[in-house]
Amino acid sequence: MKLANLNLTSIRHIFITHHHSDHNADYGNLLLFMWTTGLNHQVNAYGPRPLLKMTKMFLKLSECDIKVRIMSEGRLPLKDMIKAHDIRRNNGGCRGGISRRIMEDENVRVTAALVNHPPLKTAFAYRFDSRVDNRSIVISGDTAPSDNLISLAQNADVLVHEVMHLPSIDKLVSIRPGASRIKQHLLESHTTCEQVGRIATLANVKTLVLSHFIPAEYPFVTDEQWLEAVRPYFAGKIIVGRDLLEI
C-alpha cells in the first residue's frame, strides 16, 4: 500500500475472501498500523467466520502495546474503531451461495457470493459496483469453477480471477517429492487457464485480469504464455495482473 501511495488512515472497509494465511496473515498488523499512523474513524471488516473472533484475539494479543500507546500517546482505543462482520452461510445471507449485498455507501455497493474452495467450507467472491461512475469489478478470491461466481460477475466491467497453469504444475510434480498430493488439492480447489476463460465468457465480462498465479513458486511462465493459455476461451480483453498495476 505504501508503494501505491495509499494512506493507511484512508481505509474504511476491509474485505477478506477466505481464511488461508496468504489472504489474512497481515490482517491484524494492518489494523495496528492504521491505528499507529493516526486512524481516527471506524473501520468495518468483512469476511467468513471466524473473522470477529480473530479480530478480538488479535486485539488481545496486542493489548499491552495498545494500552501503552493509549496512555503515552493519547490515542483512542483501537477496539472502538474496528467493527468486524462475520458473513455467514446460514443467516439468510449467501444461503446456497446466493449473492448477498453486504455493504453500501454513497460510493459503492458490495455484494458477496459463496464460491468453491475446498477443503474450506466458506470462501467468498466480492462484487464492487461503483455508484459514482456505474462501473463494476469482481474479485474471485480463491476458487474452483463456480456457478455462483459466474452469476455474481454477470456483465461486470472487470473480473479479477485466480488462474492455474497446469503444465507448470506437472513440471513441479516431476521434480518435487510428494507433490502429487499437492497437485490433487490444487485441481480440486483452483481454476485452470481454460476454465478461467470460459468463466469470463459465460459471465460476459468486458475485461479479465489474471491474478493469484498458480503455482506461485514457478516463475518461468511468461505473460504471453498466460495469455495464450486463456485467449482461446475468452474474446474480451485479457490482462496479466501484477502488483501496483493500474487498469
Protein backbone atom coordinates (compact mmCIF):
# COMPACT_ATOMS: atom_id res chain seq x y z
CA MET A 1 0.00 0.00 0.00
CA LYS A 2 2.87 2.36 0.72
CA LEU A 3 4.34 1.70 -2.74
CA ALA A 4 0.92 2.52 -4.20
CA ASN A 5 0.91 5.81 -2.26
CA LEU A 6 -2.19 4.79 -0.31
CA ASN A 7 -2.56 6.30 3.13
CA LEU A 8 -3.40 3.66 5.73
CA THR A 9 -5.64 6.11 7.56
CA SER A 10 -7.85 6.44 4.47
CA ILE A 11 -9.07 2.84 4.82
CA ARG A 12 -12.68 2.45 5.89
CA HIS A 13 -13.54 -1.08 4.77
CA ILE A 14 -11.63 -4.38 4.62
CA PHE A 15 -12.85 -7.46 2.72
CA ILE A 16 -11.37 -10.93 3.27
CA THR A 17 -12.30 -13.71 0.87
CA HIS A 18 -11.29 -16.72 2.98
CA HIS A 19 -9.06 -17.79 5.81
CA HIS A 20 -5.84 -19.07 4.29
CA SER A 21 -2.66 -17.47 5.57
CA ASP A 22 -1.74 -15.89 2.24
CA HIS A 23 -5.00 -13.95 2.42
CA ASN A 24 -5.29 -12.97 6.08
CA ALA A 25 -1.83 -13.12 7.70
CA ASP A 26 -1.43 -9.33 7.68
CA TYR A 27 -4.98 -8.53 8.77
CA GLY A 28 -4.11 -7.85 12.40
CA ASN A 29 -0.97 -5.90 11.54
CA LEU A 30 -2.97 -3.79 9.10
CA LEU A 31 -5.36 -2.82 11.89
CA LEU A 32 -2.48 -1.95 14.20
CA PHE A 33 -0.54 0.05 11.63
CA MET A 34 -3.64 2.00 10.57
CA TRP A 35 -4.10 2.94 14.19
CA THR A 36 -0.47 3.89 14.90
CA THR A 37 -0.38 6.12 11.81
CA GLY A 38 -3.33 8.18 13.02
CA LEU A 39 -6.61 6.37 12.37
CA ASN A 40 -9.49 8.38 13.83
CA HIS A 41 -12.61 6.77 12.34
CA GLN A 42 -14.36 3.40 12.35
CA VAL A 43 -13.16 0.64 10.03
CA ASN A 44 -15.52 -2.19 9.05
CA ALA A 45 -14.01 -5.59 8.21
CA TYR A 46 -15.99 -8.28 6.37
CA GLY A 47 -15.19 -11.95 5.83
CA PRO A 48 -16.11 -15.53 6.68
CA ARG A 49 -16.30 -16.75 10.24
CA PRO A 50 -14.35 -16.55 12.50
CA LEU A 51 -13.32 -13.02 11.48
CA LEU A 52 -14.98 -11.49 14.53
CA LYS A 53 -13.19 -13.93 16.83
CA MET A 54 -9.87 -13.37 15.03
CA THR A 55 -10.23 -9.63 15.48
CA LYS A 56 -10.88 -9.95 19.20
CA MET A 57 -7.94 -12.35 19.59
CA PHE A 58 -5.56 -10.01 17.76
CA LEU A 59 -6.62 -7.10 19.95
CA LYS A 60 -5.99 -9.30 22.99
CA LEU A 61 -2.59 -10.34 21.63
CA SER A 62 -1.63 -6.68 21.16
CA GLU A 63 -3.26 -5.49 24.37
CA CYS A 64 -0.02 -4.48 26.10
CA ASP A 65 1.21 -2.39 23.17
CA ILE A 66 -2.22 -0.83 22.65
CA LYS A 67 -2.58 0.16 26.32
CA VAL A 68 0.88 1.69 26.41
CA ARG A 69 0.20 3.77 23.30
CA ILE A 70 -3.16 4.94 24.63
CA MET A 71 -1.55 6.07 27.90
CA SER A 72 1.65 7.56 26.50
CA GLU A 73 0.41 8.93 23.16
CA GLY A 74 -3.22 9.77 23.93
CA ARG A 75 -4.62 7.55 21.22
CA LEU A 76 -8.26 6.50 21.04
CA PRO A 77 -8.93 2.82 21.92
CA LEU A 78 -8.41 0.65 18.85
CA LYS A 79 -11.21 -1.75 19.79
CA ASP A 80 -13.73 1.07 19.43
CA MET A 81 -12.59 1.78 15.86
CA ILE A 82 -12.73 -1.76 14.44
CA LYS A 83 -16.04 -3.44 13.69
CA ALA A 84 -15.71 -6.96 12.29
CA HIS A 85 -18.60 -8.64 10.46
CA ASP A 86 -18.87 -12.41 10.00
CA ILE A 87 -20.52 -13.21 6.67
CA ARG A 88 -22.37 -16.42 7.45
CA ARG A 89 -23.73 -19.13 5.22
CA ASN A 90 -26.88 -19.76 7.22
CA ASN A 91 -28.24 -16.46 8.47
CA GLY A 92 -30.21 -15.50 5.39
CA GLY A 93 -27.17 -14.19 3.54
CA CYS A 94 -25.35 -16.21 0.87
CA ARG A 95 -27.57 -19.19 1.66
CA GLY A 96 -26.89 -21.77 -1.02
CA GLY A 97 -24.38 -19.36 -2.49
CA ILE A 98 -26.98 -16.74 -3.40
CA SER A 99 -25.38 -13.33 -3.73
CA ARG A 100 -25.95 -11.02 -0.79
CA ARG A 101 -25.38 -7.28 -0.51
CA ILE A 102 -23.12 -6.83 2.50
CA MET A 103 -22.18 -3.16 2.39
CA GLU A 104 -23.31 0.03 0.66
CA ASP A 105 -22.50 3.70 0.96
CA GLU A 106 -22.61 6.78 -1.25
CA ASN A 107 -19.70 5.49 -3.36
CA VAL A 108 -20.05 1.73 -3.77
CA ARG A 109 -22.31 -1.28 -3.35
CA VAL A 110 -20.57 -4.54 -2.32
CA THR A 111 -22.07 -7.98 -2.91
CA ALA A 112 -20.69 -11.35 -1.79
CA ALA A 113 -21.25 -14.83 -3.18
CA LEU A 114 -20.15 -18.20 -1.87
CA VAL A 115 -17.51 -19.88 -4.06
CA ASN A 116 -15.90 -23.30 -4.14
CA HIS A 117 -12.52 -23.58 -2.40
CA PRO A 118 -12.28 -26.94 -0.62
CA PRO A 119 -11.46 -28.06 1.95
CA LEU A 120 -12.71 -24.71 3.30
CA LYS A 121 -16.47 -24.67 3.61
CA THR A 122 -16.75 -20.91 3.35
CA ALA A 123 -14.99 -18.68 0.84
CA PHE A 124 -16.37 -15.62 -0.89
CA ALA A 125 -16.05 -13.64 -4.09
CA TYR A 126 -16.90 -9.94 -3.98
CA ARG A 127 -18.50 -7.61 -6.49
CA PHE A 128 -17.98 -3.85 -6.21
CA ASP A 129 -20.46 -1.66 -8.11
CA SER A 130 -19.48 1.99 -8.21
CA ARG A 131 -22.28 4.46 -7.58
CA VAL A 132 -20.06 7.23 -8.94
CA ASP A 133 -19.33 6.04 -12.49
CA ASN A 134 -21.51 2.89 -12.73
CA ARG A 135 -18.51 0.63 -13.27
CA SER A 136 -18.16 -2.80 -11.68
CA ILE A 137 -15.31 -5.07 -10.63
CA VAL A 138 -15.47 -8.63 -9.32
CA ILE A 139 -12.76 -10.32 -7.24
CA SER A 140 -12.92 -14.11 -7.41
CA GLY A 141 -10.79 -14.88 -4.39
CA ASP A 142 -9.54 -18.47 -4.40
CA THR A 143 -11.99 -20.81 -6.08
CA ALA A 144 -12.52 -23.76 -8.33
CA PRO A 145 -15.02 -23.15 -11.16
CA SER A 146 -18.13 -21.68 -9.55
CA ASP A 147 -21.61 -21.07 -10.94
CA ASN A 148 -22.17 -18.61 -8.12
CA LEU A 149 -19.20 -16.58 -9.30
CA ILE A 150 -20.49 -16.58 -12.87
CA SER A 151 -23.80 -15.20 -11.64
CA LEU A 152 -22.10 -12.62 -9.45
CA ALA A 153 -19.88 -11.41 -12.30
CA GLN A 154 -22.58 -11.03 -14.95
CA ASN A 155 -21.79 -8.10 -17.27
CA ALA A 156 -19.07 -6.75 -14.98
CA ASP A 157 -16.55 -4.33 -16.41
CA VAL A 158 -13.63 -6.18 -14.81
CA LEU A 159 -13.24 -9.70 -13.42
CA VAL A 160 -10.08 -10.35 -11.42
CA HIS A 161 -9.72 -14.12 -11.29
CA GLU A 162 -7.16 -16.54 -9.95
CA VAL A 163 -5.52 -18.80 -12.53
CA MET A 164 -3.63 -22.09 -12.61
CA HIS A 165 -1.10 -23.20 -15.25
CA LEU A 166 -1.32 -26.99 -15.45
CA PRO A 167 1.87 -27.64 -17.50
CA SER A 168 3.92 -25.84 -14.84
CA ILE A 169 2.28 -27.82 -12.06
CA ASP A 170 3.09 -31.04 -13.87
CA LYS A 171 6.73 -29.98 -14.13
CA LEU A 172 6.86 -29.19 -10.43
CA VAL A 173 5.32 -32.53 -9.56
CA SER A 174 8.01 -34.28 -11.58
CA ILE A 175 10.85 -32.72 -9.55
CA ARG A 176 9.36 -32.34 -6.06
CA PRO A 177 8.89 -35.38 -3.81
CA GLY A 178 5.33 -35.80 -2.60
CA ALA A 179 3.95 -33.11 -4.85
CA SER A 180 1.27 -35.36 -6.36
CA ARG A 181 -0.92 -34.79 -3.30
CA ILE A 182 -0.48 -31.04 -3.65
CA LYS A 183 -1.48 -31.29 -7.30
CA GLN A 184 -4.68 -33.09 -6.38
CA HIS A 185 -5.54 -30.35 -3.91
CA LEU A 186 -4.87 -27.65 -6.50
CA LEU A 187 -7.06 -29.35 -9.09
CA GLU A 188 -9.92 -29.57 -6.60
CA SER A 189 -9.74 -26.01 -5.29
CA HIS A 190 -8.44 -23.74 -8.07
CA THR A 191 -9.22 -22.81 -11.69
CA THR A 192 -7.26 -23.67 -14.83
CA CYS A 193 -6.49 -21.24 -17.64
CA GLU A 194 -9.15 -22.81 -19.85
CA GLN A 195 -11.74 -22.70 -17.09
CA VAL A 196 -10.98 -19.05 -16.30
CA GLY A 197 -11.51 -18.10 -19.93
CA ARG A 198 -14.80 -19.97 -20.11
CA ILE A 199 -16.00 -18.40 -16.85
CA ALA A 200 -15.26 -14.90 -18.17
CA THR A 201 -17.15 -15.71 -21.36
CA LEU A 202 -20.18 -17.10 -19.51
CA ALA A 203 -20.21 -14.05 -17.24
CA ASN A 204 -19.98 -11.71 -20.26
CA VAL A 205 -17.36 -9.52 -18.61
CA LYS A 206 -15.53 -6.86 -20.58
CA THR A 207 -12.02 -7.31 -19.14
CA LEU A 208 -10.42 -10.33 -17.48
CA VAL A 209 -7.47 -9.74 -15.16
CA LEU A 210 -5.43 -12.83 -14.31
CA SER A 211 -4.19 -12.91 -10.73
CA HIS A 212 -3.06 -15.19 -7.88
CA PHE A 213 -0.94 -17.27 -10.26
CA ILE A 214 -0.55 -20.97 -9.51
CA PRO A 215 2.00 -22.35 -8.98
CA ALA A 216 3.39 -19.22 -7.36
CA GLU A 217 6.86 -20.72 -6.92
CA TYR A 218 7.23 -21.43 -10.65
CA PRO A 219 8.39 -18.09 -12.10
CA PHE A 220 9.10 -19.20 -15.63
CA VAL A 221 5.65 -18.73 -17.16
CA THR A 222 5.80 -15.58 -19.26
CA ASP A 223 2.95 -13.12 -19.61
CA GLU A 224 2.48 -14.25 -23.19
CA GLN A 225 2.17 -17.88 -22.09
CA TRP A 226 -0.57 -16.95 -19.64
CA LEU A 227 -2.36 -15.01 -22.36
CA GLU A 228 -2.00 -17.81 -24.90
CA ALA A 229 -3.45 -20.32 -22.45
CA VAL A 230 -6.57 -18.23 -21.78
CA ARG A 231 -7.16 -16.43 -25.08
CA PRO A 232 -8.84 -19.34 -26.96
CA TYR A 233 -11.65 -19.32 -24.42
CA PHE A 234 -12.33 -15.59 -23.97
CA ALA A 235 -12.63 -12.99 -26.72
CA GLY A 236 -12.52 -9.93 -24.48
CA LYS A 237 -9.56 -8.01 -23.13
CA ILE A 238 -7.14 -10.07 -21.00
CA ILE A 239 -4.58 -8.53 -18.66
CA VAL A 240 -1.86 -10.36 -16.74
CA GLY A 241 -2.13 -8.77 -13.32
CA ARG A 242 0.86 -7.51 -11.40
CA ASP A 243 1.34 -5.69 -8.10
CA LEU A 244 0.82 -1.91 -8.48
CA LEU A 245 -0.77 -2.33 -11.93
CA GLU A 246 -3.39 0.34 -12.65
CA ILE A 247 -6.25 -0.50 -15.01
